[in-house]
Protein backbone atom coordinates (compact mmCIF):
# COMPACT_ATOMS: atom_id res chain seq x y z
CA MET A 1 -16.79 -31.26 -16.97
CA ILE A 2 -18.09 -31.92 -20.49
CA PRO A 3 -17.51 -35.63 -21.25
CA LYS A 4 -16.95 -37.05 -24.71
CA THR A 5 -16.99 -33.66 -26.42
CA ALA A 6 -16.18 -35.00 -29.87
CA GLU A 7 -18.89 -37.65 -29.68
CA LEU A 8 -21.49 -35.10 -28.62
CA LEU A 9 -20.62 -32.83 -31.51
CA GLN A 10 -20.94 -35.70 -33.99
CA ILE A 11 -24.58 -36.24 -33.04
CA LEU A 12 -25.65 -32.59 -33.01
CA PRO A 13 -28.93 -32.10 -34.90
CA SER A 14 -28.54 -29.99 -38.02
CA GLN A 15 -30.38 -26.75 -37.45
CA ILE A 16 -28.60 -24.65 -40.06
CA SER A 17 -30.19 -24.23 -43.49
CA GLU A 18 -28.84 -26.22 -46.43
CA THR A 19 -28.08 -23.01 -48.29
CA THR A 20 -25.51 -21.98 -45.69
CA ALA A 21 -24.14 -25.29 -44.48
CA ASN A 22 -21.57 -25.91 -47.21
CA SER A 23 -19.91 -22.58 -47.84
CA PRO A 24 -18.16 -19.83 -45.88
CA PRO A 25 -19.78 -16.40 -45.71
CA LYS A 26 -19.19 -14.07 -48.64
CA ASP A 27 -18.51 -10.34 -48.79
CA ASP A 28 -17.48 -7.94 -51.53
CA LYS A 29 -14.39 -6.94 -49.55
CA SER A 30 -11.63 -9.30 -48.49
CA TRP A 31 -11.39 -10.07 -44.80
CA GLN A 32 -8.07 -8.20 -44.72
CA GLN A 33 -9.82 -5.08 -46.00
CA GLN A 34 -12.69 -5.60 -43.57
CA GLN A 35 -10.20 -5.79 -40.70
CA ALA A 36 -8.28 -2.76 -41.93
CA ASP A 37 -11.51 -0.77 -42.25
CA ALA A 38 -12.57 -1.46 -38.64
CA LEU A 39 -14.01 1.65 -37.01
CA ARG A 40 -11.51 3.33 -34.67
CA GLU A 41 -12.86 6.83 -33.99
CA PRO A 42 -15.30 7.26 -31.07
CA ALA A 43 -16.99 10.22 -32.79
CA ARG A 44 -17.79 8.11 -35.84
CA LEU A 45 -19.07 5.28 -33.66
CA LEU A 46 -21.49 7.58 -31.84
CA GLN A 47 -22.61 9.14 -35.11
CA GLN A 48 -23.24 5.83 -36.88
CA LEU A 49 -25.19 4.42 -33.94
CA ALA A 50 -27.18 7.59 -33.20
CA LEU A 51 -25.77 7.84 -29.69
CA PRO A 52 -25.65 11.04 -27.61
CA ASP A 53 -22.65 13.37 -27.93
CA SER A 54 -22.42 13.39 -24.14
CA LEU A 55 -20.60 10.04 -24.38
CA LEU A 56 -17.83 11.41 -26.59
CA ALA A 57 -15.42 12.96 -24.08
CA ALA A 58 -15.22 9.79 -21.97
CA ALA A 59 -15.00 7.56 -25.05
CA GLU A 60 -12.07 9.56 -26.41
CA ALA A 61 -10.27 9.60 -23.04
CA ALA A 62 -10.71 5.86 -22.46
CA GLY A 63 -9.93 5.13 -26.11
CA ALA A 64 -6.61 6.93 -25.74
CA ARG A 65 -5.60 4.31 -23.16
CA PHE A 66 -6.95 1.28 -25.03
CA SER A 67 -7.99 1.98 -28.57
CA LEU A 68 -11.41 1.44 -30.07
CA ARG A 69 -11.58 -1.18 -32.82
CA VAL A 70 -14.82 -2.64 -34.12
CA PRO A 71 -15.53 -4.24 -37.53
CA ALA A 72 -18.59 -3.51 -39.64
CA ALA A 73 -20.08 -6.96 -39.04
CA TRP A 74 -20.24 -6.27 -35.29
CA LEU A 75 -21.56 -2.73 -35.73
CA ALA A 76 -24.45 -4.03 -37.81
CA ARG A 77 -25.75 -6.07 -34.84
CA ILE A 78 -25.93 -3.12 -32.43
CA GLU A 79 -29.29 -1.44 -31.87
CA LYS A 80 -29.04 2.18 -32.91
CA GLY A 81 -29.82 4.77 -30.27
CA ASN A 82 -29.48 2.33 -27.39
CA PRO A 83 -26.50 3.16 -25.13
CA THR A 84 -27.15 0.02 -23.04
CA ASP A 85 -27.08 -2.40 -25.98
CA PRO A 86 -25.07 -5.44 -24.73
CA LEU A 87 -22.92 -5.59 -27.87
CA LEU A 88 -22.20 -1.88 -27.67
CA ARG A 89 -21.14 -2.12 -24.02
CA GLN A 90 -18.46 -4.63 -24.97
CA ILE A 91 -16.71 -2.25 -27.39
CA LEU A 92 -17.53 1.35 -26.35
CA PRO A 93 -14.75 3.10 -24.38
CA ALA A 94 -16.37 4.40 -21.20
CA ALA A 95 -15.65 6.74 -18.31
CA GLU A 96 -15.54 3.84 -15.84
CA GLU A 97 -12.33 2.62 -17.45
CA LEU A 98 -10.50 5.67 -16.14
CA ARG A 99 -11.09 4.79 -12.51
CA SER A 100 -8.40 2.90 -10.61
CA SER A 101 -8.73 0.05 -8.12
CA THR A 102 -6.07 -1.69 -6.09
CA ALA A 103 -7.79 -5.03 -6.80
CA PHE A 104 -7.22 -4.65 -10.56
CA SER A 105 -3.86 -4.83 -12.34
CA THR A 106 -2.22 -4.75 -15.77
CA ASP A 107 -1.34 -8.47 -15.57
CA PRO A 108 -4.29 -10.09 -13.78
CA VAL A 109 -3.55 -13.74 -14.59
CA GLY A 110 0.24 -13.77 -14.34
CA ASP A 111 1.05 -14.03 -18.04
CA ARG A 112 4.45 -12.39 -17.70
CA ALA A 113 5.62 -14.77 -14.98
CA ALA A 114 4.56 -17.72 -17.17
CA ARG A 115 6.68 -16.60 -20.14
CA ALA A 116 8.92 -19.59 -20.86
CA ALA A 117 10.33 -18.26 -24.13
CA PRO A 118 9.61 -15.26 -26.34
CA GLY A 119 5.94 -15.47 -27.26
CA LEU A 120 5.36 -18.68 -25.29
CA LEU A 121 3.45 -19.07 -22.02
CA HIS A 122 3.73 -22.30 -20.03
CA LYS A 123 1.18 -22.28 -17.21
CA TYR A 124 -0.42 -25.71 -17.28
CA GLN A 125 0.81 -29.28 -17.34
CA GLY A 126 1.01 -30.75 -20.84
CA ARG A 127 0.18 -27.62 -22.83
CA VAL A 128 1.65 -24.30 -23.84
CA LEU A 129 0.17 -21.11 -25.27
CA LEU A 130 1.77 -19.46 -28.29
CA MET A 131 1.25 -15.71 -28.61
CA THR A 132 0.90 -15.65 -32.38
CA THR A 133 0.20 -11.93 -32.80
CA GLY A 134 -0.97 -8.88 -30.89
CA ALA A 135 -3.60 -8.08 -33.52
CA CYS A 136 -7.34 -8.65 -33.01
CA ALA A 137 -10.35 -8.05 -35.23
CA ILE A 138 -12.13 -6.34 -32.32
CA HIS A 139 -11.05 -4.66 -29.09
CA CYS A 140 -13.18 -5.87 -26.19
CA ARG A 141 -13.12 -3.40 -23.32
CA TYR A 142 -12.73 -6.16 -20.70
CA CYS A 143 -9.77 -7.82 -22.50
CA PHE A 144 -7.44 -9.29 -19.90
CA ARG A 145 -4.47 -8.69 -22.22
CA ARG A 146 -5.27 -5.04 -22.96
CA HIS A 147 -1.97 -4.10 -21.26
CA TYR A 148 0.15 -7.03 -22.49
CA PRO A 149 3.55 -5.95 -23.92
CA TYR A 150 3.13 -7.56 -27.35
CA SER A 151 6.13 -5.65 -28.68
CA ASP A 152 8.33 -7.91 -26.51
CA ASP A 153 7.09 -11.02 -28.34
CA SER A 154 7.65 -10.62 -32.07
CA LEU A 155 6.64 -14.05 -33.32
CA LEU A 156 8.06 -13.56 -36.80
CA THR A 157 11.61 -13.22 -35.47
CA GLN A 158 11.41 -15.18 -32.21
CA LEU A 159 9.36 -18.24 -33.20
CA PRO A 160 12.43 -20.57 -33.39
CA ALA A 161 13.07 -20.11 -29.65
CA ALA A 162 9.46 -20.96 -28.80
CA LEU A 163 9.51 -24.07 -31.02
CA ASP A 164 12.84 -25.17 -29.53
CA TYR A 165 11.32 -24.95 -26.05
CA ILE A 166 8.41 -27.16 -27.12
CA ARG A 167 10.75 -29.68 -28.77
CA THR A 168 12.86 -30.06 -25.66
CA ASP A 169 9.90 -30.78 -23.35
CA ASN A 170 8.22 -34.04 -24.36
CA SER A 171 5.54 -33.56 -21.69
CA ILE A 172 3.94 -30.92 -23.95
CA HIS A 173 1.13 -32.61 -25.89
CA GLU A 174 -0.97 -29.59 -26.84
CA VAL A 175 -0.15 -26.22 -28.37
CA ILE A 176 -2.67 -23.40 -28.00
CA LEU A 177 -2.61 -20.60 -30.55
CA SER A 178 -3.67 -17.33 -28.97
CA GLY A 179 -2.71 -13.68 -28.91
CA GLY A 180 -4.16 -11.26 -29.89
CA ASP A 181 -6.05 -13.51 -32.27
CA PRO A 182 -4.33 -16.20 -34.34
CA LEU A 183 -6.85 -15.77 -37.16
CA SER A 184 -5.41 -12.30 -37.70
CA LEU A 185 -2.50 -14.10 -39.37
CA SER A 186 -2.66 -14.63 -43.12
CA ASN A 187 -3.61 -18.09 -44.38
CA SER A 188 -0.07 -18.74 -45.59
CA ARG A 189 1.50 -17.65 -42.30
CA LEU A 190 -0.96 -19.73 -40.29
CA ALA A 191 -0.31 -22.76 -42.49
CA GLN A 192 3.46 -22.41 -42.04
CA LEU A 193 3.09 -22.10 -38.28
CA ILE A 194 0.86 -25.18 -38.01
CA GLN A 195 3.19 -27.18 -40.21
CA GLN A 196 6.14 -26.31 -37.97
CA ILE A 197 4.20 -27.40 -34.89
CA GLN A 198 3.21 -30.67 -36.56
CA THR A 199 6.85 -31.63 -37.01
CA ILE A 200 7.17 -32.01 -33.21
CA ALA A 201 6.37 -35.67 -32.59
CA HIS A 202 5.09 -35.40 -29.01
CA VAL A 203 2.54 -32.69 -29.85
CA LYS A 204 -0.81 -34.42 -30.39
CA ARG A 205 -3.36 -31.61 -30.24
CA LEU A 206 -3.76 -28.11 -31.64
CA ARG A 207 -6.10 -25.62 -30.03
CA ILE A 208 -7.04 -22.26 -31.55
CA HIS A 209 -8.53 -19.56 -29.30
CA THR A 210 -10.30 -16.95 -31.38
CA ARG A 211 -12.92 -14.21 -31.26
CA THR A 212 -12.72 -13.69 -35.03
CA PRO A 213 -15.49 -16.06 -36.30
CA VAL A 214 -17.93 -14.02 -34.20
CA ALA A 215 -16.40 -10.55 -34.63
CA LEU A 216 -15.33 -10.83 -38.28
CA PRO A 217 -16.99 -13.86 -39.89
CA GLU A 218 -15.66 -12.80 -43.30
CA ARG A 219 -12.32 -14.18 -42.10
CA ILE A 220 -13.59 -17.76 -42.51
CA ASP A 221 -12.73 -17.84 -46.21
CA ALA A 222 -11.94 -20.71 -48.56
CA GLY A 223 -8.20 -20.36 -47.98
CA LEU A 224 -8.53 -20.69 -44.22
CA LEU A 225 -10.83 -23.70 -44.57
CA GLU A 226 -8.25 -25.35 -46.81
CA VAL A 227 -5.57 -24.76 -44.19
CA LEU A 228 -7.72 -26.22 -41.42
CA ASN A 229 -8.70 -29.22 -43.53
CA THR A 230 -5.04 -30.21 -43.85
CA VAL A 231 -4.23 -30.15 -40.12
CA LYS A 232 -3.10 -33.62 -39.01
CA LEU A 233 -3.27 -32.98 -35.27
CA GLN A 234 -6.46 -33.39 -33.26
CA SER A 235 -7.88 -29.89 -33.51
CA VAL A 236 -10.07 -27.81 -31.25
CA MET A 237 -11.29 -24.27 -31.86
CA VAL A 238 -12.48 -22.32 -28.83
CA ILE A 239 -14.53 -19.34 -29.92
CA HIS A 240 -15.51 -16.42 -27.70
CA CYS A 241 -19.17 -15.41 -27.62
CA ASN A 242 -20.87 -13.65 -24.71
CA HIS A 243 -24.40 -12.92 -25.89
CA PRO A 244 -26.88 -14.65 -28.25
CA GLU A 245 -27.25 -11.46 -30.30
CA GLU A 246 -23.66 -11.96 -31.46
CA LEU A 247 -24.78 -15.03 -33.41
CA ASP A 248 -26.33 -13.66 -36.59
CA GLU A 249 -26.73 -15.67 -39.80
CA GLN A 250 -23.28 -14.73 -41.10
CA VAL A 251 -21.64 -16.05 -37.93
CA LEU A 252 -23.71 -19.25 -38.12
CA GLU A 253 -22.47 -19.78 -41.69
CA ALA A 254 -18.88 -19.36 -40.54
CA LEU A 255 -19.35 -21.85 -37.68
CA SER A 256 -20.96 -24.36 -40.03
CA ALA A 257 -18.01 -24.11 -42.41
CA LEU A 258 -15.56 -24.61 -39.53
CA ARG A 259 -17.44 -27.68 -38.31
CA GLN A 260 -17.08 -29.28 -41.71
CA CYS A 261 -13.29 -29.11 -41.31
CA GLY A 262 -13.61 -31.66 -38.50
CA LEU A 263 -12.89 -29.18 -35.74
CA THR A 264 -14.30 -29.64 -32.27
CA LEU A 265 -15.95 -26.28 -31.53
CA LEU A 266 -16.22 -25.00 -27.96
CA ASN A 267 -17.21 -21.62 -26.56
CA GLN A 268 -15.96 -19.59 -23.67
CA SER A 269 -17.80 -16.55 -22.36
CA VAL A 270 -16.93 -13.90 -19.82
CA LEU A 271 -19.56 -12.99 -17.24
CA LEU A 272 -20.10 -9.25 -17.73
CA LYS A 273 -22.29 -6.89 -15.76
CA GLY A 274 -24.87 -5.29 -18.00
CA VAL A 275 -24.14 -7.70 -20.85
CA ASN A 276 -24.96 -11.28 -19.92
CA ASP A 277 -25.46 -11.38 -16.12
CA ASN A 278 -28.91 -12.88 -16.62
CA VAL A 279 -29.92 -16.52 -16.49
CA ASP A 280 -32.24 -16.31 -19.50
CA ILE A 281 -29.55 -14.69 -21.66
CA LEU A 282 -26.98 -17.32 -20.71
CA SER A 283 -29.45 -20.15 -21.21
CA HIS A 284 -30.39 -18.84 -24.65
CA LEU A 285 -26.70 -18.47 -25.51
CA SER A 286 -25.85 -22.09 -24.65
CA GLN A 287 -28.82 -23.41 -26.60
CA ARG A 288 -28.17 -21.22 -29.64
CA LEU A 289 -24.51 -22.25 -29.66
CA PHE A 290 -25.48 -25.91 -29.47
CA SER A 291 -27.79 -25.47 -32.45
CA ALA A 292 -24.76 -24.14 -34.33
CA GLY A 293 -22.58 -27.10 -33.34
CA VAL A 294 -20.70 -25.39 -30.50
CA LEU A 295 -20.59 -26.66 -26.93
CA ALA A 296 -20.49 -24.33 -23.94
CA TYR A 297 -17.11 -24.76 -22.24
CA TYR A 298 -16.23 -22.02 -19.75
CA LEU A 299 -18.06 -19.09 -18.22
CA HIS A 300 -15.21 -16.97 -16.88
CA GLN A 301 -15.53 -14.75 -13.89
CA LEU A 302 -13.97 -11.46 -15.00
CA ASP A 303 -10.18 -11.31 -14.94
CA ARG A 304 -9.37 -8.26 -12.84
CA VAL A 305 -7.60 -6.21 -15.48
CA GLU A 306 -7.16 -2.50 -14.96
CA GLY A 307 -9.88 -0.61 -16.84
CA ALA A 308 -12.58 -3.30 -16.63
CA GLN A 309 -13.81 -2.81 -13.07
CA HIS A 310 -17.32 -1.83 -14.15
CA PHE A 311 -17.91 -5.23 -15.76
CA GLU A 312 -17.37 -7.25 -12.59
CA VAL A 313 -20.23 -9.32 -11.19
CA PRO A 314 -19.77 -10.11 -7.46
CA ASP A 315 -18.76 -13.73 -6.81
CA THR A 316 -21.86 -14.52 -4.74
CA GLU A 317 -24.12 -13.25 -7.55
CA ALA A 318 -22.12 -15.18 -10.15
CA ILE A 319 -22.49 -18.43 -8.20
CA ALA A 320 -26.22 -17.89 -7.68
CA LEU A 321 -26.62 -17.15 -11.38
CA HIS A 322 -24.77 -20.33 -12.32
CA ASP A 323 -26.88 -22.38 -9.90
CA ALA A 324 -30.03 -21.00 -11.53
CA LEU A 325 -28.62 -21.80 -14.96
CA ARG A 326 -28.04 -25.40 -13.85
CA GLN A 327 -31.75 -25.69 -13.17
CA GLN A 328 -32.60 -24.65 -16.72
CA LEU A 329 -30.05 -26.57 -18.79
CA PRO A 330 -28.98 -30.19 -19.24
CA GLY A 331 -25.46 -30.81 -18.00
CA TYR A 332 -23.85 -30.86 -21.44
CA LEU A 333 -25.05 -27.30 -22.10
CA LEU A 334 -23.86 -25.91 -18.76
CA PRO A 335 -20.54 -24.03 -18.99
CA GLU A 336 -18.23 -24.37 -16.03
CA LEU A 337 -18.01 -21.19 -13.98
CA VAL A 338 -14.31 -20.58 -13.36
CA ARG A 339 -11.71 -18.05 -12.33
CA GLU A 340 -8.13 -18.01 -13.56
CA GLN A 341 -5.77 -17.36 -10.68
CA ARG A 342 -2.20 -16.21 -10.93
CA GLY A 343 0.23 -19.09 -10.36
CA VAL A 344 -2.44 -21.81 -10.09
CA GLY A 345 -1.99 -24.77 -12.43
CA ALA A 346 -5.58 -24.96 -13.71
CA LYS A 347 -8.74 -22.91 -14.07
CA THR A 348 -10.54 -23.09 -10.70
CA PRO A 349 -14.32 -23.50 -10.30
CA LEU A 350 -15.54 -20.31 -8.68
CA GLN A 351 -17.37 -22.26 -6.00
CA GLU A 352 -13.98 -23.64 -4.84
CA VAL A 353 -12.36 -20.20 -4.89
CA CYS A 354 -15.11 -18.86 -2.65
CA ARG A 355 -15.31 -21.88 -0.35
CA PRO A 356 -14.87 -20.81 3.32
């Protein structure tokens, strides 16, 4: 849908200040310590954000099913005292998660059926997805892998089987690092993994799917940039950002540093009720991303994972919203509205899914 992505990114106007364009963000703590110190107790979250105690019982009950995890960088962007803040809604365990629905499941996109080897999913022609780790810098309440059995896919011990599978299938030209979040790996571990992938002659492209530059921008340190600068494969990083308020100056610094590694930067968002189901918010998001050197890629209709029912926007509303967005944006800023369907060999435009 987005032609000549690399060429478009090369001609992006520089809208990031010279003081931030050439260096990754700094912090007194290492990114590892920042990740380890992520807030995990609902009571502390409510206290720090001046939210009512009436939310606590539901937050603790929902958090017992899928734990709370939010780094300080994300917390700092949330408006205190506002229980409807769009960034808060994405991370606060809520009573709605405890309700069940027959339309929602623990494996909404068929990951388990696509498991070709330990830690390796093969859904689409020409590319495979490597489950690098189950760890994430942040726990998003709508996460479609919130029930994934990561303990069955220990990459450290089972990586040889996944690499052997890739070696024996010369139709595989792209390896996607996912999880969890691949940037939760140490720089040395990530470098070793990429080097092993690069030894496979028929692999031409590396794609990294990550929420970390937005959730924990401290992770984009000098060591990571050095690793990324040495990648020989054509490299794409797909970040995950749902709302323009996620893009503070520290995140923009991180994205600028990543761009200078020669990465093609794309964004995928999830359409979420009460977060970004608004044409002006989505328009602002695409334009702000573009100013930071990131092209809108996908706007996902919610994957129907158990516990996320309250985030779903009806398909007819989603299509109408996307049509309105098309009227506001040039084509290269318009993300494609898609749904991932179990057993289907590509993401499907929502308009086709809903076609009579």
